[in-house]
Amino acid sequence: MNISIDLRSDIPIYLQIVEQVRQQVVNGALKPGDQLPTVRSLALDLRINFNTVSRAYRMLDESGIISTQQGRGTYILEMPPPEIAERLRVESMDAITRHYLAQISRLGFTTEDALVHIRSQFSRLKNNPDDELSTEKDK
């Protein structure tokens, strides 16, 4: 499992963990039955308080993504039904969108600026699917 935390983000650390686990489940990087690191292990790796990881795991457990089995560990549950998988995908998109909009707003861009840029990026990707969505190539 690959989790990276942005300590400068407005998004609380526990939500960053939740969102990244959700995304990894949706995109197949984490598969049903995969074992997650222990709360303490992940907290040490990320250099954060173990209560923060515990809160993230509790939220993931409550949403049916993981199951913690006392003495055995924490595992990704079987693939959720399509309606739950779709809900997770939409929730992930919502979180990414909120973060993106907050960032561009801080930079002084308008909603219209964002829409033009997103359309441009999608158009470029459609015309060249091997191209990464990166503003570096636009410079």
Protein backbone atom coordinates (compact mmCIF):
# COMPACT_ATOMS: atom_id res chain seq x y z
CA MET A 1 0.00 0.00 0.00
CA ASN A 2 1.34 3.36 -1.00
CA ILE A 3 0.11 6.30 1.04
CA SER A 4 1.58 9.78 0.90
CA ILE A 5 0.51 12.58 3.19
CA ASP A 6 0.58 16.28 2.41
CA LEU A 7 1.05 18.00 5.76
CA ARG A 8 0.41 21.41 4.14
CA SER A 9 -2.98 20.38 2.76
CA ASP A 10 -6.24 21.71 4.16
CA ILE A 11 -7.53 18.14 4.04
CA PRO A 12 -7.15 16.40 7.41
CA ILE A 13 -4.57 13.61 7.40
CA TYR A 14 -7.08 10.91 8.31
CA LEU A 15 -9.22 11.90 5.30
CA GLN A 16 -6.17 11.82 3.04
CA ILE A 17 -5.57 8.23 4.16
CA VAL A 18 -9.23 7.27 3.67
CA GLU A 19 -9.31 8.81 0.20
CA GLN A 20 -6.08 7.17 -0.94
CA VAL A 21 -7.19 3.74 0.26
CA ARG A 22 -10.55 4.22 -1.51
CA GLN A 23 -8.79 5.22 -4.72
CA GLN A 24 -6.45 2.25 -4.54
CA VAL A 25 -9.41 -0.11 -4.05
CA VAL A 26 -11.34 1.44 -6.95
CA ASN A 27 -8.37 1.36 -9.35
CA GLY A 28 -7.40 -2.18 -8.35
CA ALA A 29 -4.09 -1.39 -6.65
CA LEU A 30 -5.58 -2.88 -3.47
CA LYS A 31 -7.50 -6.09 -4.01
CA PRO A 32 -9.94 -8.01 -1.84
CA GLY A 33 -8.03 -9.96 0.79
CA ASP A 34 -4.97 -7.67 0.73
CA GLN A 35 -3.72 -6.98 4.22
CA LEU A 36 -3.14 -3.40 5.29
CA PRO A 37 -0.32 -2.39 7.61
CA THR A 38 -1.16 -2.23 11.28
CA VAL A 39 -2.26 1.12 12.65
CA ARG A 40 1.03 1.55 14.49
CA SER A 41 3.12 0.46 11.51
CA LEU A 42 1.43 2.90 9.13
CA ALA A 43 1.63 5.68 11.71
CA LEU A 44 5.37 5.08 12.07
CA ASP A 45 5.88 4.97 8.29
CA LEU A 46 3.97 8.23 7.82
CA ARG A 47 5.39 9.78 11.00
CA ILE A 48 1.97 10.66 12.32
CA ASN A 49 0.00 9.92 15.46
CA PHE A 50 -1.43 6.39 15.53
CA ASN A 51 -4.83 7.80 16.57
CA THR A 52 -5.00 9.52 13.17
CA VAL A 53 -4.50 6.21 11.35
CA SER A 54 -6.92 4.52 13.72
CA ARG A 55 -9.58 7.10 12.86
CA ALA A 56 -9.01 6.55 9.11
CA TYR A 57 -9.23 2.77 9.49
CA ARG A 58 -12.40 3.13 11.56
CA MET A 59 -14.00 5.23 8.79
CA LEU A 60 -12.92 2.70 6.14
CA ASP A 61 -14.33 -0.12 8.26
CA GLU A 62 -17.64 1.69 8.76
CA SER A 63 -17.95 2.27 5.00
CA GLY A 64 -17.40 -1.42 4.26
CA ILE A 65 -14.04 -1.13 2.53
CA ILE A 66 -11.93 -2.89 5.13
CA SER A 67 -12.42 -5.33 7.97
CA THR A 68 -10.31 -5.41 11.08
CA GLN A 69 -10.12 -8.81 12.70
CA GLN A 70 -8.81 -8.73 16.26
CA GLY A 71 -5.45 -10.48 16.41
CA ARG A 72 -5.37 -11.19 12.66
CA GLY A 73 -5.09 -7.79 11.02
CA THR A 74 -6.90 -5.46 8.68
CA TYR A 75 -7.94 -6.59 5.22
CA ILE A 76 -9.59 -5.19 2.12
CA LEU A 77 -13.08 -6.66 1.89
CA GLU A 78 -14.36 -8.51 -1.12
CA MET A 79 -15.18 -6.26 -4.04
CA PRO A 80 -18.24 -4.26 -3.08
CA PRO A 81 -21.42 -4.53 -5.13
CA PRO A 82 -21.43 -2.31 -8.24
CA GLU A 83 -23.59 0.38 -6.62
CA ILE A 84 -21.16 0.73 -3.69
CA ALA A 85 -18.13 0.64 -6.02
CA GLU A 86 -19.71 3.41 -8.09
CA ARG A 87 -20.46 5.42 -4.94
CA LEU A 88 -16.80 5.09 -3.92
CA ARG A 89 -15.68 6.25 -7.36
CA VAL A 90 -17.96 9.28 -7.19
CA GLU A 91 -16.86 10.10 -3.63
CA SER A 92 -13.23 9.93 -4.78
CA MET A 93 -13.98 12.24 -7.70
CA ASP A 94 -15.77 14.63 -5.34
CA ALA A 95 -12.79 14.77 -2.99
CA ILE A 96 -10.34 15.32 -5.84
CA THR A 97 -12.57 18.02 -7.32
CA ARG A 98 -12.94 19.86 -4.00
CA HIS A 99 -9.17 19.80 -3.51
CA TYR A 100 -8.53 20.99 -7.08
CA LEU A 101 -11.05 23.82 -6.80
CA ALA A 102 -9.64 24.96 -3.47
CA GLN A 103 -6.13 25.04 -4.94
CA ILE A 104 -7.04 26.95 -8.10
CA SER A 105 -9.12 29.39 -6.09
CA ARG A 106 -6.08 30.12 -3.89
CA LEU A 107 -4.10 30.78 -7.05
CA GLY A 108 -6.69 33.33 -8.17
CA PHE A 109 -8.24 31.37 -11.05
CA THR A 110 -11.94 31.50 -11.79
CA THR A 111 -14.32 28.61 -12.31
CA GLU A 112 -14.31 29.40 -16.03
CA ASP A 113 -10.48 29.26 -16.07
CA ALA A 114 -10.67 25.81 -14.48
CA LEU A 115 -13.29 24.54 -16.92
CA VAL A 116 -11.30 25.75 -19.94
CA HIS A 117 -8.16 24.11 -18.60
CA ILE A 118 -9.90 20.81 -17.80
CA ARG A 119 -11.51 20.69 -21.26
CA SER A 120 -8.13 21.39 -22.83
CA GLN A 121 -6.46 18.61 -20.85
CA PHE A 122 -9.18 16.09 -21.69
CA SER A 123 -9.01 17.03 -25.35
CA ARG A 124 -5.25 16.57 -25.36
CA LEU A 125 -5.60 13.20 -23.65
CA LYS A 126 -8.28 12.10 -26.11
CA ASN A 127 -6.03 13.00 -29.05
CA ASN A 128 -2.99 11.32 -27.50
CA PRO A 129 -4.00 8.65 -24.93
CA ASP A 130 -0.36 7.88 -24.08
CA ASP A 131 0.20 11.48 -23.02
CA GLU A 132 0.11 12.15 -19.30
CA LEU A 133 -2.11 14.88 -17.97
CA SER A 134 0.69 17.20 -17.02
CA THR A 135 1.03 20.94 -17.25
CA GLU A 136 4.79 20.52 -17.63
CA LYS A 137 4.33 19.75 -21.33
CA ASP A 138 2.24 22.88 -21.76
CA LYS A 139 5.07 25.18 -20.71
